[in-house]
Amino acid sequence: MPDERREHVRKAVELTVTFSVDGGPPETARLQDLSLGGAFLATLDELAFGTPLRLTLPLSTETIDVDAVVRWRKKGQGLGVQFGPIGAKPTFLLTEYIADMDPVPDSRLLQPGDV
């Protein structure tokens, strides 16, 4: 098992989100884990490493938009994305949203059906 190198602990979540690539039409996907630094986006889209995305996250009290970049992918399962800089208010809302969730194992290591 590789070392966990993430700065922020990821939390288990089932959250339907939308994302777009290069201002294109929004697509719907599901987040399976989430942290202040990124997320695992369950999608059949096979976007290349480095592809920029715009995610819309409907949190408990508000919806936030976050810029992200594809950092890895697992064919047929989804994408690991890293968030770009986000402002103070979205950071606060995201922190509050994930505060009480259970940590999740490194999603790069999950097998089909694990989550």
PDB file of N, CA and C in Angstrom:
ATOM      1  N   MET A   1       0.854  -1.187   0.000  1.00  0.00           N
ATOM      2  CA  MET A   1       0.000   0.000   0.000  1.00  0.00           C
ATOM      3  C   MET A   1       0.891   1.238   0.000  1.00  0.00           C
ATOM      4  N   PRO A   2       0.719   2.142  -0.957  1.00  0.00           N
ATOM      5  CA  PRO A   2       1.550   3.339  -0.989  1.00  0.00           C
ATOM      6  C   PRO A   2       1.248   4.259   0.182  1.00  0.00           C
ATOM      7  N   ASP A   3       2.226   5.096   0.489  1.00  0.00           N
ATOM      8  CA  ASP A   3       2.038   6.073   1.563  1.00  0.00           C
ATOM      9  C   ASP A   3       0.957   7.068   1.172  1.00  0.00           C
ATOM     10  N   GLU A   4       0.155   7.465   2.141  1.00  0.00           N
ATOM     11  CA  GLU A   4      -0.850   8.511   1.929  1.00  0.00           C
ATOM     12  C   GLU A   4      -0.118   9.844   1.950  1.00  0.00           C
ATOM     13  N   ARG A   5      -0.146  10.573   0.846  1.00  0.00           N
ATOM     14  CA  ARG A   5       0.590  11.825   0.743  1.00  0.00           C
ATOM     15  C   ARG A   5      -0.304  13.046   0.728  1.00  0.00           C
ATOM     16  N   ARG A   6      -1.568  12.851   0.973  1.00  0.00           N
ATOM     17  CA  ARG A   6      -2.488  13.986   0.922  1.00  0.00           C
ATOM     18  C   ARG A   6      -2.340  14.861   2.161  1.00  0.00           C
ATOM     19  N   GLU A   7      -2.520  16.133   1.950  1.00  0.00           N
ATOM     20  CA  GLU A   7      -2.449  17.097   3.053  1.00  0.00           C
ATOM     21  C   GLU A   7      -3.712  17.059   3.903  1.00  0.00           C
ATOM     22  N   HIS A   8      -4.862  16.780   3.279  1.00  0.00           N
ATOM     23  CA  HIS A   8      -6.146  16.794   3.977  1.00  0.00           C
ATOM     24  C   HIS A   8      -6.766  15.401   3.970  1.00  0.00           C
ATOM     25  N   VAL A   9      -7.323  15.001   5.097  1.00  0.00           N
ATOM     26  CA  VAL A   9      -7.988  13.709   5.200  1.00  0.00           C
ATOM     27  C   VAL A   9      -9.267  13.740   4.382  1.00  0.00           C
ATOM     28  N   ARG A  10      -9.468  12.695   3.597  1.00  0.00           N
ATOM     29  CA  ARG A  10     -10.691  12.597   2.803  1.00  0.00           C
ATOM     30  C   ARG A  10     -11.781  11.951   3.633  1.00  0.00           C
ATOM     31  N   LYS A  11     -13.020  12.379   3.359  1.00  0.00           N
ATOM     32  CA  LYS A  11     -14.181  11.873   4.080  1.00  0.00           C
ATOM     33  C   LYS A  11     -15.140  11.214   3.104  1.00  0.00           C
ATOM     34  N   ALA A  12     -15.779  10.135   3.558  1.00  0.00           N
ATOM     35  CA  ALA A  12     -16.759   9.425   2.737  1.00  0.00           C
ATOM     36  C   ALA A  12     -17.982  10.306   2.531  1.00  0.00           C
ATOM     37  N   VAL A  13     -18.459  10.368   1.296  1.00  0.00           N
ATOM     38  CA  VAL A  13     -19.618  11.191   0.977  1.00  0.00           C
ATOM     39  C   VAL A  13     -20.308  10.608  -0.255  1.00  0.00           C
ATOM     40  N   GLU A  14     -21.585  10.764  -0.318  1.00  0.00           N
ATOM     41  CA  GLU A  14     -22.356  10.453  -1.535  1.00  0.00           C
ATOM     42  C   GLU A  14     -23.043  11.753  -1.913  1.00  0.00           C
ATOM     43  N   LEU A  15     -22.470  12.454  -2.866  1.00  0.00           N
ATOM     44  CA  LEU A  15     -22.937  13.783  -3.217  1.00  0.00           C
ATOM     45  C   LEU A  15     -23.010  13.894  -4.733  1.00  0.00           C
ATOM     46  N   THR A  16     -24.191  14.191  -5.259  1.00  0.00           N
ATOM     47  CA  THR A  16     -24.336  14.402  -6.693  1.00  0.00           C
ATOM     48  C   THR A  16     -23.889  15.820  -7.018  1.00  0.00           C
ATOM     49  N   VAL A  17     -23.000  15.925  -7.994  1.00  0.00           N
ATOM     50  CA  VAL A  17     -22.425  17.218  -8.370  1.00  0.00           C
ATOM     51  C   VAL A  17     -22.523  17.379  -9.884  1.00  0.00           C
ATOM     52  N   THR A  18     -22.271  18.582 -10.335  1.00  0.00           N
ATOM     53  CA  THR A  18     -22.107  18.813 -11.761  1.00  0.00           C
ATOM     54  C   THR A  18     -20.686  19.307 -11.997  1.00  0.00           C
ATOM     55  N   PHE A  19     -20.189  19.042 -13.195  1.00  0.00           N
ATOM     56  CA  PHE A  19     -18.872  19.539 -13.566  1.00  0.00           C
ATOM     57  C   PHE A  19     -18.872  19.888 -15.040  1.00  0.00           C
ATOM     58  N   SER A  20     -17.981  20.775 -15.409  1.00  0.00           N
ATOM     59  CA  SER A  20     -17.829  21.121 -16.817  1.00  0.00           C
ATOM     60  C   SER A  20     -16.340  21.223 -17.128  1.00  0.00           C
ATOM     61  N   VAL A  21     -16.018  20.971 -18.382  1.00  0.00           N
ATOM     62  CA  VAL A  21     -14.651  21.043 -18.874  1.00  0.00           C
ATOM     63  C   VAL A  21     -14.585  22.175 -19.881  1.00  0.00           C
ATOM     64  N   ASP A  22     -13.686  23.108 -19.661  1.00  0.00           N
ATOM     65  CA  ASP A  22     -13.492  24.235 -20.587  1.00  0.00           C
ATOM     66  C   ASP A  22     -14.782  24.977 -20.905  1.00  0.00           C
ATOM     67  N   GLY A  23     -15.628  25.188 -19.914  1.00  0.00           N
ATOM     68  CA  GLY A  23     -16.861  25.931 -20.112  1.00  0.00           C
ATOM     69  C   GLY A  23     -17.907  25.182 -20.914  1.00  0.00           C
ATOM     70  N   GLY A  24     -17.674  23.885 -21.132  1.00  0.00           N
ATOM     71  CA  GLY A  24     -18.625  23.075 -21.890  1.00  0.00           C
ATOM     72  C   GLY A  24     -19.894  22.817 -21.096  1.00  0.00           C
ATOM     73  N   PRO A  25     -20.780  22.010 -21.655  1.00  0.00           N
ATOM     74  CA  PRO A  25     -22.041  21.734 -20.977  1.00  0.00           C
ATOM     75  C   PRO A  25     -21.803  20.970 -19.669  1.00  0.00           C
ATOM     76  N   PRO A  26     -22.602  21.254 -18.652  1.00  0.00           N
ATOM     77  CA  PRO A  26     -22.419  20.556 -17.375  1.00  0.00           C
ATOM     78  C   PRO A  26     -22.812  19.088 -17.480  1.00  0.00           C
ATOM     79  N   GLU A  27     -22.049  18.256 -16.787  1.00  0.00           N
ATOM     80  CA  GLU A  27     -22.332  16.838 -16.686  1.00  0.00           C
ATOM     81  C   GLU A  27     -22.556  16.508 -15.218  1.00  0.00           C
ATOM     82  N   THR A  28     -23.366  15.496 -14.966  1.00  0.00           N
ATOM     83  CA  THR A  28     -23.648  15.083 -13.599  1.00  0.00           C
ATOM     84  C   THR A  28     -22.772  13.895 -13.239  1.00  0.00           C
ATOM     85  N   ALA A  29     -22.270  13.892 -12.014  1.00  0.00           N
ATOM     86  CA  ALA A  29     -21.456  12.787 -11.503  1.00  0.00           C
ATOM     87  C   ALA A  29     -21.695  12.684 -10.001  1.00  0.00           C
ATOM     88  N   ARG A  30     -20.993  11.770  -9.376  1.00  0.00           N
ATOM     89  CA  ARG A  30     -21.142  11.563  -7.938  1.00  0.00           C
ATOM     90  C   ARG A  30     -19.772  11.629  -7.273  1.00  0.00           C
ATOM     91  N   LEU A  31     -19.699  12.376  -6.180  1.00  0.00           N
ATOM     92  CA  LEU A  31     -18.481  12.366  -5.375  1.00  0.00           C
ATOM     93  C   LEU A  31     -18.595  11.224  -4.380  1.00  0.00           C
ATOM     94  N   GLN A  32     -17.500  10.485  -4.212  1.00  0.00           N
ATOM     95  CA  GLN A  32     -17.482   9.401  -3.242  1.00  0.00           C
ATOM     96  C   GLN A  32     -16.598   9.713  -2.060  1.00  0.00           C
ATOM     97  N   ASP A  33     -15.684  10.637  -2.232  1.00  0.00           N
ATOM     98  CA  ASP A  33     -14.928  11.151  -1.093  1.00  0.00           C
ATOM     99  C   ASP A  33     -14.565  12.598  -1.359  1.00  0.00           C
ATOM    100  N   LEU A  34     -14.287  13.303  -0.268  1.00  0.00           N
ATOM    101  CA  LEU A  34     -14.152  14.759  -0.350  1.00  0.00           C
ATOM    102  C   LEU A  34     -13.238  15.246   0.750  1.00  0.00           C
ATOM    103  N   SER A  35     -12.412  16.235   0.440  1.00  0.00           N
ATOM    104  CA  SER A  35     -11.577  16.901   1.436  1.00  0.00           C
ATOM    105  C   SER A  35     -11.446  18.362   1.043  1.00  0.00           C
ATOM    106  N   LEU A  36     -10.716  19.110   1.840  1.00  0.00           N
ATOM    107  CA  LEU A  36     -10.468  20.507   1.488  1.00  0.00           C
ATOM    108  C   LEU A  36      -9.572  20.620   0.252  1.00  0.00           C
ATOM    109  N   GLY A  37      -8.828  19.567  -0.047  1.00  0.00           N
ATOM    110  CA  GLY A  37      -7.886  19.627  -1.158  1.00  0.00           C
ATOM    111  C   GLY A  37      -8.340  18.977  -2.440  1.00  0.00           C
ATOM    112  N   GLY A  38      -9.413  18.159  -2.394  1.00  0.00           N
ATOM    113  CA  GLY A  38      -9.835  17.480  -3.611  1.00  0.00           C
ATOM    114  C   GLY A  38     -10.926  16.471  -3.352  1.00  0.00           C
ATOM    115  N   ALA A  39     -11.157  15.610  -4.359  1.00  0.00           N
ATOM    116  CA  ALA A  39     -12.260  14.661  -4.265  1.00  0.00           C
ATOM    117  C   ALA A  39     -12.053  13.523  -5.261  1.00  0.00           C
ATOM    118  N   PHE A  40     -12.836  12.461  -5.067  1.00  0.00           N
ATOM    119  CA  PHE A  40     -12.930  11.389  -6.051  1.00  0.00           C
ATOM    120  C   PHE A  40     -14.259  11.540  -6.749  1.00  0.00           C
ATOM    121  N   LEU A  41     -14.219  11.738  -8.041  1.00  0.00           N
ATOM    122  CA  LEU A  41     -15.395  11.972  -8.865  1.00  0.00           C
ATOM    123  C   LEU A  41     -15.729  10.684  -9.613  1.00  0.00           C
ATOM    124  N   ALA A  42     -16.807  10.008  -9.201  1.00  0.00           N
ATOM    125  CA  ALA A  42     -17.225   8.768  -9.859  1.00  0.00           C
ATOM    126  C   ALA A  42     -17.896   9.132 -11.180  1.00  0.00           C
ATOM    127  N   THR A  43     -17.234   8.789 -12.275  1.00  0.00           N
ATOM    128  CA  THR A  43     -17.725   9.106 -13.612  1.00  0.00           C
ATOM    129  C   THR A  43     -17.086   8.153 -14.609  1.00  0.00           C
ATOM    130  N   LEU A  44     -17.776   7.906 -15.701  1.00  0.00           N
ATOM    131  CA  LEU A  44     -17.200   7.093 -16.760  1.00  0.00           C
ATOM    132  C   LEU A  44     -16.377   7.930 -17.730  1.00  0.00           C
ATOM    133  N   ASP A  45     -16.441   9.263 -17.587  1.00  0.00           N
ATOM    134  CA  ASP A  45     -15.622  10.141 -18.421  1.00  0.00           C
ATOM    135  C   ASP A  45     -14.152   9.848 -18.143  1.00  0.00           C
ATOM    136  N   GLU A  46     -13.381   9.700 -19.193  1.00  0.00           N
ATOM    137  CA  GLU A  46     -11.960   9.412 -19.039  1.00  0.00           C
ATOM    138  C   GLU A  46     -11.151  10.639 -19.433  1.00  0.00           C
ATOM    139  N   LEU A  47     -11.147  11.603 -18.552  1.00  0.00           N
ATOM    140  CA  LEU A  47     -10.432  12.845 -18.800  1.00  0.00           C
ATOM    141  C   LEU A  47      -8.945  12.649 -18.524  1.00  0.00           C
ATOM    142  N   ALA A  48      -8.123  13.311 -19.284  1.00  0.00           N
ATOM    143  CA  ALA A  48      -6.675  13.170 -19.171  1.00  0.00           C
ATOM    144  C   ALA A  48      -6.136  13.881 -17.931  1.00  0.00           C
ATOM    145  N   PHE A  49      -4.986  13.403 -17.467  1.00  0.00           N
ATOM    146  CA  PHE A  49      -4.258  14.061 -16.392  1.00  0.00           C
ATOM    147  C   PHE A  49      -4.067  15.529 -16.760  1.00  0.00           C
ATOM    148  N   GLY A  50      -4.333  16.407 -15.791  1.00  0.00           N
ATOM    149  CA  GLY A  50      -4.141  17.834 -16.017  1.00  0.00           C
ATOM    150  C   GLY A  50      -5.344  18.567 -16.581  1.00  0.00           C
ATOM    151  N   THR A  51      -6.424  17.844 -16.891  1.00  0.00           N
ATOM    152  CA  THR A  51      -7.617  18.496 -17.432  1.00  0.00           C
ATOM    153  C   THR A  51      -8.262  19.375 -16.368  1.00  0.00           C
ATOM    154  N   PRO A  52      -8.478  20.659 -16.651  1.00  0.00           N
ATOM    155  CA  PRO A  52      -9.153  21.534 -15.683  1.00  0.00           C
ATOM    156  C   PRO A  52     -10.665  21.322 -15.718  1.00  0.00           C
ATOM    157  N   LEU A  53     -11.270  21.349 -14.542  1.00  0.00           N
ATOM    158  CA  LEU A  53     -12.718  21.193 -14.374  1.00  0.00           C
ATOM    159  C   LEU A  53     -13.266  22.322 -13.530  1.00  0.00           C
ATOM    160  N   ARG A  54     -14.540  22.547 -13.660  1.00  0.00           N
ATOM    161  CA  ARG A  54     -15.274  23.447 -12.762  1.00  0.00           C
ATOM    162  C   ARG A  54     -16.365  22.598 -12.123  1.00  0.00           C
ATOM    163  N   LEU A  55     -16.273  22.386 -10.808  1.00  0.00           N
ATOM    164  CA  LEU A  55     -17.243  21.578 -10.066  1.00  0.00           C
ATOM    165  C   LEU A  55     -18.234  22.472  -9.348  1.00  0.00           C
ATOM    166  N   THR A  56     -19.485  22.060  -9.333  1.00  0.00           N
ATOM    167  CA  THR A  56     -20.516  22.724  -8.553  1.00  0.00           C
ATOM    168  C   THR A  56     -20.943  21.750  -7.461  1.00  0.00           C
ATOM    169  N   LEU A  57     -20.686  22.118  -6.202  1.00  0.00           N
ATOM    170  CA  LEU A  57     -20.946  21.257  -5.053  1.00  0.00           C
ATOM    171  C   LEU A  57     -22.131  21.783  -4.257  1.00  0.00           C
ATOM    172  N   PRO A  58     -23.233  21.045  -4.240  1.00  0.00           N
ATOM    173  CA  PRO A  58     -24.385  21.469  -3.428  1.00  0.00           C
ATOM    174  C   PRO A  58     -24.198  20.991  -1.984  1.00  0.00           C
ATOM    175  N   LEU A  59     -23.715  21.862  -1.135  1.00  0.00           N
ATOM    176  CA  LEU A  59     -23.497  21.515   0.268  1.00  0.00           C
ATOM    177  C   LEU A  59     -24.803  21.695   1.039  1.00  0.00           C
ATOM    178  N   SER A  60     -24.780  21.455   2.325  1.00  0.00           N
ATOM    179  CA  SER A  60     -26.008  21.504   3.134  1.00  0.00           C
ATOM    180  C   SER A  60     -26.736  22.835   3.045  1.00  0.00           C
ATOM    181  N   THR A  61     -25.996  23.929   3.165  1.00  0.00           N
ATOM    182  CA  THR A  61     -26.639  25.238   3.241  1.00  0.00           C
ATOM    183  C   THR A  61     -26.480  26.085   1.983  1.00  0.00           C
ATOM    184  N   GLU A  62     -25.434  25.834   1.212  1.00  0.00           N
ATOM    185  CA  GLU A  62     -25.170  26.633   0.014  1.00  0.00           C
ATOM    186  C   GLU A  62     -24.488  25.783  -1.038  1.00  0.00           C
ATOM    187  N   THR A  63     -24.490  26.265  -2.259  1.00  0.00           N
ATOM    188  CA  THR A  63     -23.781  25.621  -3.353  1.00  0.00           C
ATOM    189  C   THR A  63     -22.519  26.423  -3.627  1.00  0.00           C
ATOM    190  N   ILE A  64     -21.403  25.703  -3.789  1.00  0.00           N
ATOM    191  CA  ILE A  64     -20.151  26.391  -4.107  1.00  0.00           C
ATOM    192  C   ILE A  64     -19.607  25.868  -5.426  1.00  0.00           C
ATOM    193  N   ASP A  65     -18.879  26.723  -6.134  1.00  0.00           N
ATOM    194  CA  ASP A  65     -18.178  26.351  -7.353  1.00  0.00           C
ATOM    195  C   ASP A  65     -16.692  26.289  -7.042  1.00  0.00           C
ATOM    196  N   VAL A  66     -16.045  25.230  -7.529  1.00  0.00           N
ATOM    197  CA  VAL A  66     -14.639  24.999  -7.230  1.00  0.00           C
ATOM    198  C   VAL A  66     -13.917  24.623  -8.518  1.00  0.00           C
ATOM    199  N   ASP A  67     -12.791  25.265  -8.779  1.00  0.00           N
ATOM    200  CA  ASP A  67     -11.937  24.851  -9.882  1.00  0.00           C
ATOM    201  C   ASP A  67     -11.103  23.667  -9.422  1.00  0.00           C
ATOM    202  N   ALA A  68     -10.910  22.691 -10.313  1.00  0.00           N
ATOM    203  CA  ALA A  68     -10.151  21.491  -9.974  1.00  0.00           C
ATOM    204  C   ALA A  68      -9.368  21.034 -11.196  1.00  0.00           C
ATOM    205  N   VAL A  69      -8.423  20.130 -10.958  1.00  0.00           N
ATOM    206  CA  VAL A  69      -7.594  19.559 -12.017  1.00  0.00           C
ATOM    207  C   VAL A  69      -7.548  18.047 -11.816  1.00  0.00           C
ATOM    208  N   VAL A  70      -7.666  17.296 -12.898  1.00  0.00           N
ATOM    209  CA  VAL A  70      -7.554  15.842 -12.821  1.00  0.00           C
ATOM    210  C   VAL A  70      -6.112  15.476 -12.483  1.00  0.00           C
ATOM    211  N   ARG A  71      -5.934  14.706 -11.400  1.00  0.00           N
ATOM    212  CA  ARG A  71      -4.600  14.283 -10.975  1.00  0.00           C
ATOM    213  C   ARG A  71      -4.344  12.801 -11.205  1.00  0.00           C
ATOM    214  N   TRP A  72      -5.410  12.015 -11.296  1.00  0.00           N
ATOM    215  CA  TRP A  72      -5.287  10.594 -11.625  1.00  0.00           C
ATOM    216  C   TRP A  72      -6.659  10.077 -12.025  1.00  0.00           C
ATOM    217  N   ARG A  73      -6.677   8.906 -12.642  1.00  0.00           N
ATOM    218  CA  ARG A  73      -7.954   8.306 -13.014  1.00  0.00           C
ATOM    219  C   ARG A  73      -7.860   6.795 -12.882  1.00  0.00           C
ATOM    220  N   LYS A  74      -8.994   6.200 -12.661  1.00  0.00           N
ATOM    221  CA  LYS A  74      -9.110   4.746 -12.582  1.00  0.00           C
ATOM    222  C   LYS A  74     -10.174   4.352 -13.595  1.00  0.00           C
ATOM    223  N   LYS A  75      -9.745   3.712 -14.661  1.00  0.00           N
ATOM    224  CA  LYS A  75     -10.626   3.399 -15.793  1.00  0.00           C
ATOM    225  C   LYS A  75     -11.916   2.726 -15.329  1.00  0.00           C
ATOM    226  N   GLY A  76     -13.041   3.273 -15.797  1.00  0.00           N
ATOM    227  CA  GLY A  76     -14.348   2.715 -15.483  1.00  0.00           C
ATOM    228  C   GLY A  76     -14.867   3.055 -14.098  1.00  0.00           C
ATOM    229  N   GLN A  77     -14.086   3.801 -13.307  1.00  0.00           N
ATOM    230  CA  GLN A  77     -14.515   4.144 -11.950  1.00  0.00           C
ATOM    231  C   GLN A  77     -14.600   5.640 -11.705  1.00  0.00           C
ATOM    232  N   GLY A  78     -13.579   6.368 -12.112  1.00  0.00           N
ATOM    233  CA  GLY A  78     -13.644   7.797 -11.896  1.00  0.00           C
ATOM    234  C   GLY A  78     -12.296   8.478 -11.885  1.00  0.00           C
ATOM    235  N   LEU A  79     -12.321   9.695 -11.342  1.00  0.00           N
ATOM    236  CA  LEU A  79     -11.180  10.596 -11.384  1.00  0.00           C
ATOM    237  C   LEU A  79     -10.831  11.130 -10.000  1.00  0.00           C
ATOM    238  N   GLY A  80      -9.561  11.232  -9.720  1.00  0.00           N
ATOM    239  CA  GLY A  80      -9.097  11.959  -8.546  1.00  0.00           C
ATOM    240  C   GLY A  80      -8.815  13.376  -8.974  1.00  0.00           C
ATOM    241  N   VAL A  81      -9.458  14.343  -8.323  1.00  0.00           N
ATOM    242  CA  VAL A  81      -9.252  15.742  -8.691  1.00  0.00           C
ATOM    243  C   VAL A  81      -8.701  16.528  -7.508  1.00  0.00           C
ATOM    244  N   GLN A  82      -7.856  17.482  -7.825  1.00  0.00           N
ATOM    245  CA  GLN A  82      -7.284  18.382  -6.832  1.00  0.00           C
ATOM    246  C   GLN A  82      -7.921  19.749  -7.020  1.00  0.00           C
ATOM    247  N   PHE A  83      -8.406  20.330  -5.919  1.00  0.00           N
ATOM    248  CA  PHE A  83      -9.013  21.652  -5.994  1.00  0.00           C
ATOM    249  C   PHE A  83      -7.944  22.711  -6.152  1.00  0.00           C
ATOM    250  N   GLY A  84      -8.304  23.757  -6.892  1.00  0.00           N
ATOM    251  CA  GLY A  84      -7.464  24.936  -6.982  1.00  0.00           C
ATOM    252  C   GLY A  84      -7.753  25.827  -5.777  1.00  0.00           C
ATOM    253  N   PRO A  85      -7.184  27.016  -5.760  1.00  0.00           N
ATOM    254  CA  PRO A  85      -7.457  27.921  -4.645  1.00  0.00           C
ATOM    255  C   PRO A  85      -8.950  28.247  -4.556  1.00  0.00           C
ATOM    256  N   ILE A  86      -9.468  28.209  -3.336  1.00  0.00           N
ATOM    257  CA  ILE A  86     -10.857  28.614  -3.106  1.00  0.00           C
ATOM    258  C   ILE A  86     -10.852  29.689  -2.029  1.00  0.00           C
ATOM    259  N   GLY A  87     -11.844  30.528  -2.064  1.00  0.00           N
ATOM    260  CA  GLY A  87     -11.912  31.648  -1.139  1.00  0.00           C
ATOM    261  C   GLY A  87     -12.233  31.235   0.294  1.00  0.00           C
ATOM    262  N   ALA A  88     -12.254  32.235   1.160  1.00  0.00           N
ATOM    263  CA  ALA A  88     -12.491  31.997   2.580  1.00  0.00           C
ATOM    264  C   ALA A  88     -13.876  31.421   2.851  1.00  0.00           C
ATOM    265  N   LYS A  89     -14.905  31.972   2.239  1.00  0.00           N
ATOM    266  CA  LYS A  89     -16.264  31.489   2.505  1.00  0.00           C
ATOM    267  C   LYS A  89     -16.464  30.056   2.004  1.00  0.00           C
ATOM    268  N   PRO A  90     -16.082  29.722   0.749  1.00  0.00           N
ATOM    269  CA  PRO A  90     -16.210  28.323   0.328  1.00  0.00           C
ATOM    270  C   PRO A  90     -15.381  27.365   1.194  1.00  0.00           C
ATOM    271  N   THR A  91     -14.195  27.798   1.629  1.00  0.00           N
ATOM    272  CA  THR A  91     -13.384  26.957   2.509  1.00  0.00           C
ATOM    273  C   THR A  91     -14.117  26.691   3.810  1.00  0.00           C
ATOM    274  N   PHE A  92     -14.701  27.724   4.391  1.00  0.00           N
ATOM    275  CA  PHE A  92     -15.470  27.572   5.634  1.00  0.00           C
ATOM    276  C   PHE A  92     -16.650  26.626   5.418  1.00  0.00           C
ATOM    277  N   LEU A  93     -17.419  26.825   4.345  1.00  0.00           N
ATOM    278  CA  LEU A  93     -18.585  25.985   4.081  1.00  0.00           C
ATOM    279  C   LEU A  93     -18.187  24.520   3.866  1.00  0.00           C
ATOM    280  N   LEU A  94     -17.107  24.305   3.135  1.00  0.00           N
ATOM    281  CA  LEU A  94     -16.628  22.948   2.894  1.00  0.00           C
ATOM    282  C   LEU A  94     -16.132  22.302   4.187  1.00  0.00           C
ATOM    283  N   THR A  95     -15.424  23.044   4.996  1.00  0.00           N
ATOM    284  CA  THR A  95     -14.942  22.540   6.290  1.00  0.00           C
ATOM    285  C   THR A  95     -16.107  22.132   7.178  1.00  0.00           C
ATOM    286  N   GLU A  96     -17.117  22.979   7.255  1.00  0.00           N
ATOM    287  CA  GLU A  96     -18.307  22.672   8.065  1.00  0.00           C
ATOM    288  C   GLU A  96     -19.038  21.443   7.524  1.00  0.00           C
ATOM    289  N   TYR A  97     -19.117  21.316   6.223  1.00  0.00           N
ATOM    290  CA  TYR A  97     -19.847  20.211   5.598  1.00  0.00           C
ATOM    291  C   TYR A  97     -19.197  18.858   5.907  1.00  0.00           C
ATOM    292  N   ILE A  98     -17.870  18.795   5.865  1.00  0.00           N
ATOM    293  CA  ILE A  98     -17.197  17.512   6.038  1.00  0.00           C
ATOM    294  C   ILE A  98     -16.743  17.225   7.471  1.00  0.00           C
ATOM    295  N   ALA A  99     -16.960  18.153   8.376  1.00  0.00           N
ATOM    296  CA  ALA A  99     -16.417  18.035   9.733  1.00  0.00           C
ATOM    297  C   ALA A  99     -16.786  16.739  10.452  1.00  0.00           C
ATOM    298  N   ASP A 100     -18.006  16.283  10.354  1.00  0.00           N
ATOM    299  CA  ASP A 100     -18.438  15.118  11.121  1.00  0.00           C
ATOM    300  C   ASP A 100     -18.476  13.816  10.324  1.00  0.00           C
ATOM    301  N   MET A 101     -17.954  13.814   9.130  1.00  0.00           N
ATOM    302  CA  MET A 101     -17.974  12.613   8.301  1.00  0.00           C
ATOM    303  C   MET A 101     -16.823  11.683   8.677  1.00  0.00           C
ATOM    304  N   ASP A 102     -16.994  10.402   8.386  1.00  0.00           N
ATOM    305  CA  ASP A 102     -15.954   9.412   8.664  1.00  0.00           C
ATOM    306  C   ASP A 102     -14.862   9.479   7.606  1.00  0.00           C
ATOM    307  N   PRO A 103     -13.588   9.307   8.027  1.00  0.00           N
ATOM    308  CA  PRO A 103     -12.504   9.261   7.045  1.00  0.00           C
ATOM    309  C   PRO A 103     -12.682   8.066   6.109  1.00  0.00           C
ATOM    310  N   VAL A 104     -12.146   8.165   4.913  1.00  0.00           N
ATOM    311  CA  VAL A 104     -12.250   7.107   3.913  1.00  0.00           C
ATOM    312  C   VAL A 104     -10.837   6.667   3.520  1.00  0.00           C
ATOM    313  N   PRO A 105     -10.661   5.375   3.177  1.00  0.00           N
ATOM    314  CA  PRO A 105      -9.344   4.948   2.707  1.00  0.00           C
ATOM    315  C   PRO A 105      -8.979   5.635   1.401  1.00  0.00           C
ATOM    316  N   ASP A 106      -7.730   5.578   1.053  1.00  0.00           N
ATOM    317  CA  ASP A 106      -7.220   6.175  -0.175  1.00  0.00           C
ATOM    318  C   ASP A 106      -7.986   5.606  -1.366  1.00  0.00           C
ATOM    319  N   SER A 107      -8.792   6.434  -2.040  1.00  0.00           N
ATOM    320  CA  SER A 107      -9.650   5.967  -3.127  1.00  0.00           C
ATOM    321  C   SER A 107      -8.864   5.487  -4.339  1.00  0.00           C
ATOM    322  N   ARG A 108      -7.593   5.835  -4.444  1.00  0.00           N
ATOM    323  CA  ARG A 108      -6.778   5.328  -5.546  1.00  0.00           C
ATOM    324  C   ARG A 108      -6.580   3.824  -5.442  1.00  0.00           C
ATOM    325  N   LEU A 109      -6.805   3.261  -4.237  1.00  0.00           N
ATOM    326  CA  LEU A 109      -6.569   1.847  -4.013  1.00  0.00           C
ATOM    327  C   LEU A 109      -7.844   1.017  -4.021  1.00  0.00           C
ATOM    328  N   LEU A 110      -9.005   1.648  -4.154  1.00  0.00           N
ATOM    329  CA  LEU A 110     -10.267   0.932  -4.075  1.00  0.00           C
ATOM    330  C   LEU A 110     -10.485   0.051  -5.289  1.00  0.00           C
ATOM    331  N   GLN A 111     -11.152  -1.055  -5.055  1.00  0.00           N
ATOM    332  CA  GLN A 111     -11.552  -1.975  -6.112  1.00  0.00           C
ATOM    333  C   GLN A 111     -13.039  -1.772  -6.388  1.00  0.00           C
ATOM    334  N   PRO A 112     -13.538  -2.201  -7.539  1.00  0.00           N
ATOM    335  CA  PRO A 112     -14.979  -2.061  -7.811  1.00  0.00           C
ATOM    336  C   PRO A 112     -15.795  -2.682  -6.686  1.00  0.00           C
ATOM    337  N   GLY A 113     -16.811  -1.973  -6.238  1.00  0.00           N
ATOM    338  CA  GLY A 113     -17.695  -2.464  -5.184  1.00  0.00           C
ATOM    339  C   GLY A 113     -17.224  -2.153  -3.783  1.00  0.00           C
ATOM    340  N   ASP A 114     -16.037  -1.550  -3.595  1.00  0.00           N
ATOM    341  CA  ASP A 114     -15.541  -1.239  -2.250  1.00  0.00           C
ATOM    342  C   ASP A 114     -16.313  -0.118  -1.592  1.00  0.00           C
ATOM    343  N   VAL A 115     -16.803   0.835  -2.386  1.00  0.00           N
ATOM    344  CA  VAL A 115     -17.471   2.006  -1.811  1.00  0.00           C
ATOM    345  C   VAL A 115     -18.953   1.875  -1.977  1.00  0.00           C
TER     346      VAL A 115
END
